[in-house]
């Protein structure tokens, strides 16, 4: 006796998988709450290295010990550093590999992009290699 696949349960499973993927992985540019970026410095070593893909999620309550991506107005760029303490409404941040504390201290939520969710080691090197031409113009 042959068993037939029932299309409705398969369709429900497929739609559920797509919805879950969107909820957890959709970038902010598509209305999601996930930010994708690459590291290019050494300030957060040894946990992260130059060229790692970082996946950051908006929401949640940032706490001491969390690595957060924030808009550093002094440097005019996003920076991923760890919260080492909270002073009033400001987060005090420092790169794990830095001997100094960040001079810019973001206010609660105003400048925070999100918390580090996970990383993909060396993904930036692979994508950078794939995006670069194999023959350089002369």
C-alpha atoms as a PDB file:
ATOM      1  CA  UNK A   1       0.000   0.000   0.000  1.00  0.00           C
ATOM      2  CA  UNK A   2       1.395   3.386  -1.027  1.00  0.00           C
ATOM      3  CA  UNK A   3       1.189   6.403   1.215  1.00  0.00           C
ATOM      4  CA  UNK A   4       0.308   9.720  -0.343  1.00  0.00           C
ATOM      5  CA  UNK A   5       1.837  12.904   0.949  1.00  0.00           C
ATOM      6  CA  UNK A   6      -0.832  15.256   2.128  1.00  0.00           C
ATOM      7  CA  UNK A   7      -0.259  18.732   0.676  1.00  0.00           C
ATOM      8  CA  UNK A   8      -1.885  20.745   3.491  1.00  0.00           C
ATOM      9  CA  UNK A   9       0.494  19.679   6.317  1.00  0.00           C
ATOM     10  CA  UNK A  10       3.469  20.210   4.017  1.00  0.00           C
ATOM     11  CA  UNK A  11       2.196  23.656   3.052  1.00  0.00           C
ATOM     12  CA  UNK A  12       1.613  24.576   6.707  1.00  0.00           C
ATOM     13  CA  UNK A  13       5.131  23.438   7.640  1.00  0.00           C
ATOM     14  CA  UNK A  14       6.649  25.393   4.743  1.00  0.00           C
ATOM     15  CA  UNK A  15       4.760  28.586   5.556  1.00  0.00           C
ATOM     16  CA  UNK A  16       5.665  28.218   9.249  1.00  0.00           C
ATOM     17  CA  UNK A  17       9.343  27.816   8.374  1.00  0.00           C
ATOM     18  CA  UNK A  18       9.254  30.923   6.168  1.00  0.00           C
ATOM     19  CA  UNK A  19       7.499  32.979   8.864  1.00  0.00           C
ATOM     20  CA  UNK A  20       9.993  31.852  11.523  1.00  0.00           C
ATOM     21  CA  UNK A  21      12.937  32.620   9.243  1.00  0.00           C
ATOM     22  CA  UNK A  22      11.528  36.089   8.589  1.00  0.00           C
ATOM     23  CA  UNK A  23      10.885  36.796  12.282  1.00  0.00           C
ATOM     24  CA  UNK A  24      14.396  35.771  13.324  1.00  0.00           C
ATOM     25  CA  UNK A  25      16.545  36.543  10.287  1.00  0.00           C
ATOM     26  CA  UNK A  26      14.953  39.410   8.312  1.00  0.00           C
ATOM     27  CA  UNK A  27      17.246  42.414   8.185  1.00  0.00           C
ATOM     28  CA  UNK A  28      16.053  45.767   9.482  1.00  0.00           C
ATOM     29  CA  UNK A  29      15.982  47.064   5.895  1.00  0.00           C
ATOM     30  CA  UNK A  30      13.120  44.610   5.250  1.00  0.00           C
ATOM     31  CA  UNK A  31      11.274  45.403   8.470  1.00  0.00           C
ATOM     32  CA  UNK A  32      12.962  42.743  10.570  1.00  0.00           C
ATOM     33  CA  UNK A  33      14.955  43.132  13.760  1.00  0.00           C
ATOM     34  CA  UNK A  34      18.293  41.659  12.688  1.00  0.00           C
ATOM     35  CA  UNK A  35      21.404  43.569  11.635  1.00  0.00           C
ATOM     36  CA  UNK A  36      24.259  41.931   9.728  1.00  0.00           C
ATOM     37  CA  UNK A  37      27.743  43.428   9.794  1.00  0.00           C
ATOM     38  CA  UNK A  38      31.399  42.497   9.485  1.00  0.00           C
ATOM     39  CA  UNK A  39      34.125  43.207  11.996  1.00  0.00           C
ATOM     40  CA  UNK A  40      37.208  44.977  10.747  1.00  0.00           C
ATOM     41  CA  UNK A  41      39.139  45.896  13.878  1.00  0.00           C
ATOM     42  CA  UNK A  42      40.802  44.032  16.705  1.00  0.00           C
ATOM     43  CA  UNK A  43      39.189  45.743  19.694  1.00  0.00           C
ATOM     44  CA  UNK A  44      36.847  42.857  20.549  1.00  0.00           C
ATOM     45  CA  UNK A  45      39.419  40.039  20.218  1.00  0.00           C
ATOM     46  CA  UNK A  46      39.754  37.242  21.239  1.00  0.00           C
ATOM     47  CA  UNK A  47      35.978  36.581  20.965  1.00  0.00           C
ATOM     48  CA  UNK A  48      35.717  38.091  17.484  1.00  0.00           C
ATOM     49  CA  UNK A  49      38.302  38.565  14.763  1.00  0.00           C
ATOM     50  CA  UNK A  50      38.687  40.770  11.733  1.00  0.00           C
ATOM     51  CA  UNK A  51      36.359  39.545   8.991  1.00  0.00           C
ATOM     52  CA  UNK A  52      33.810  37.796  11.234  1.00  0.00           C
ATOM     53  CA  UNK A  53      30.168  38.212  10.293  1.00  0.00           C
ATOM     54  CA  UNK A  54      28.219  39.435  13.306  1.00  0.00           C
ATOM     55  CA  UNK A  55      24.480  39.040  13.621  1.00  0.00           C
ATOM     56  CA  UNK A  56      22.897  41.540  15.964  1.00  0.00           C
ATOM     57  CA  UNK A  57      19.289  41.510  17.210  1.00  0.00           C
ATOM     58  CA  UNK A  58      17.270  44.527  18.244  1.00  0.00           C
ATOM     59  CA  UNK A  59      15.226  44.362  21.391  1.00  0.00           C
ATOM     60  CA  UNK A  60      15.801  42.818  24.757  1.00  0.00           C
ATOM     61  CA  UNK A  61      17.379  44.540  27.699  1.00  0.00           C
ATOM     62  CA  UNK A  62      21.124  45.100  27.345  1.00  0.00           C
ATOM     63  CA  UNK A  63      23.071  44.211  30.484  1.00  0.00           C
ATOM     64  CA  UNK A  64      26.615  44.356  31.785  1.00  0.00           C
ATOM     65  CA  UNK A  65      28.661  41.758  29.907  1.00  0.00           C
ATOM     66  CA  UNK A  66      26.653  41.983  26.662  1.00  0.00           C
ATOM     67  CA  UNK A  67      28.431  42.876  23.438  1.00  0.00           C
ATOM     68  CA  UNK A  68      26.342  45.562  21.736  1.00  0.00           C
ATOM     69  CA  UNK A  69      26.508  47.290  18.387  1.00  0.00           C
ATOM     70  CA  UNK A  70      26.048  51.011  18.876  1.00  0.00           C
ATOM     71  CA  UNK A  71      26.257  54.214  16.935  1.00  0.00           C
ATOM     72  CA  UNK A  72      29.416  55.948  18.148  1.00  0.00           C
ATOM     73  CA  UNK A  73      28.820  59.607  17.301  1.00  0.00           C
ATOM     74  CA  UNK A  74      32.460  60.506  18.071  1.00  0.00           C
ATOM     75  CA  UNK A  75      33.737  58.043  15.440  1.00  0.00           C
ATOM     76  CA  UNK A  76      30.674  58.451  13.159  1.00  0.00           C
ATOM     77  CA  UNK A  77      30.320  54.698  12.750  1.00  0.00           C
ATOM     78  CA  UNK A  78      28.874  51.610  14.355  1.00  0.00           C
ATOM     79  CA  UNK A  79      31.057  49.950  16.988  1.00  0.00           C
ATOM     80  CA  UNK A  80      30.694  46.550  18.657  1.00  0.00           C
ATOM     81  CA  UNK A  81      31.952  46.682  22.243  1.00  0.00           C
ATOM     82  CA  UNK A  82      31.024  45.156  25.578  1.00  0.00           C
ATOM     83  CA  UNK A  83      28.994  46.875  28.297  1.00  0.00           C
ATOM     84  CA  UNK A  84      31.231  47.019  31.372  1.00  0.00           C
ATOM     85  CA  UNK A  85      28.886  49.041  33.580  1.00  0.00           C
ATOM     86  CA  UNK A  86      25.833  51.280  33.574  1.00  0.00           C
ATOM     87  CA  UNK A  87      26.026  54.787  35.017  1.00  0.00           C
ATOM     88  CA  UNK A  88      22.608  56.373  35.308  1.00  0.00           C
ATOM     89  CA  UNK A  89      21.111  56.319  31.816  1.00  0.00           C
ATOM     90  CA  UNK A  90      24.434  55.704  30.047  1.00  0.00           C
ATOM     91  CA  UNK A  91      26.233  52.556  29.053  1.00  0.00           C
ATOM     92  CA  UNK A  92      29.974  52.444  29.650  1.00  0.00           C
ATOM     93  CA  UNK A  93      31.580  50.354  26.906  1.00  0.00           C
ATOM     94  CA  UNK A  94      34.984  48.915  26.184  1.00  0.00           C
ATOM     95  CA  UNK A  95      36.484  46.640  23.580  1.00  0.00           C
ATOM     96  CA  UNK A  96      37.696  43.373  25.132  1.00  0.00           C
ATOM     97  CA  UNK A  97      41.139  43.960  23.628  1.00  0.00           C
ATOM     98  CA  UNK A  98      41.309  47.674  24.509  1.00  0.00           C
ATOM     99  CA  UNK A  99      43.079  49.145  27.531  1.00  0.00           C
ATOM    100  CA  UNK A 100      40.739  52.152  27.513  1.00  0.00           C
ATOM    101  CA  UNK A 101      37.028  52.823  27.950  1.00  0.00           C
ATOM    102  CA  UNK A 102      35.075  54.280  25.020  1.00  0.00           C
ATOM    103  CA  UNK A 103      34.795  58.071  25.283  1.00  0.00           C
ATOM    104  CA  UNK A 104      31.293  58.065  23.807  1.00  0.00           C
ATOM    105  CA  UNK A 105      28.706  56.587  26.180  1.00  0.00           C
ATOM    106  CA  UNK A 106      25.390  55.847  24.492  1.00  0.00           C
ATOM    107  CA  UNK A 107      22.187  56.559  26.335  1.00  0.00           C
ATOM    108  CA  UNK A 108      19.703  53.806  27.010  1.00  0.00           C
ATOM    109  CA  UNK A 109      18.317  52.582  23.685  1.00  0.00           C
ATOM    110  CA  UNK A 110      18.901  55.873  21.865  1.00  0.00           C
ATOM    111  CA  UNK A 111      22.167  54.855  20.233  1.00  0.00           C
ATOM    112  CA  UNK A 112      22.088  51.075  20.630  1.00  0.00           C
ATOM    113  CA  UNK A 113      21.545  49.090  17.450  1.00  0.00           C
ATOM    114  CA  UNK A 114      21.250  45.755  19.270  1.00  0.00           C
ATOM    115  CA  UNK A 115      22.957  42.912  21.101  1.00  0.00           C
ATOM    116  CA  UNK A 116      25.307  40.401  19.519  1.00  0.00           C
ATOM    117  CA  UNK A 117      23.283  37.274  18.745  1.00  0.00           C
ATOM    118  CA  UNK A 118      25.915  35.112  17.052  1.00  0.00           C
ATOM    119  CA  UNK A 119      28.925  35.280  14.753  1.00  0.00           C
ATOM    120  CA  UNK A 120      30.103  33.433  11.680  1.00  0.00           C
ATOM    121  CA  UNK A 121      33.873  33.308  11.843  1.00  0.00           C
ATOM    122  CA  UNK A 122      35.835  34.596   8.833  1.00  0.00           C
ATOM    123  CA  UNK A 123      32.701  35.020   6.685  1.00  0.00           C
ATOM    124  CA  UNK A 124      33.875  38.508   5.726  1.00  0.00           C
ATOM    125  CA  UNK A 125      37.057  37.155   4.248  1.00  0.00           C
ATOM    126  CA  UNK A 126      35.099  34.713   2.106  1.00  0.00           C
ATOM    127  CA  UNK A 127      32.572  37.291   0.910  1.00  0.00           C
ATOM    128  CA  UNK A 128      35.342  39.837   0.352  1.00  0.00           C
ATOM    129  CA  UNK A 129      37.232  37.311  -1.751  1.00  0.00           C
ATOM    130  CA  UNK A 130      34.084  36.437  -3.726  1.00  0.00           C
ATOM    131  CA  UNK A 131      33.324  40.112  -4.369  1.00  0.00           C
ATOM    132  CA  UNK A 132      36.822  41.032  -5.507  1.00  0.00           C
ATOM    133  CA  UNK A 133      37.785  40.594  -9.146  1.00  0.00           C
ATOM    134  CA  UNK A 134      40.263  37.844  -9.920  1.00  0.00           C
ATOM    135  CA  UNK A 135      42.062  40.078 -12.411  1.00  0.00           C
ATOM    136  CA  UNK A 136      43.020  43.575 -11.390  1.00  0.00           C
ATOM    137  CA  UNK A 137      42.713  46.283 -14.052  1.00  0.00           C
ATOM    138  CA  UNK A 138      46.013  47.714 -15.271  1.00  0.00           C
END
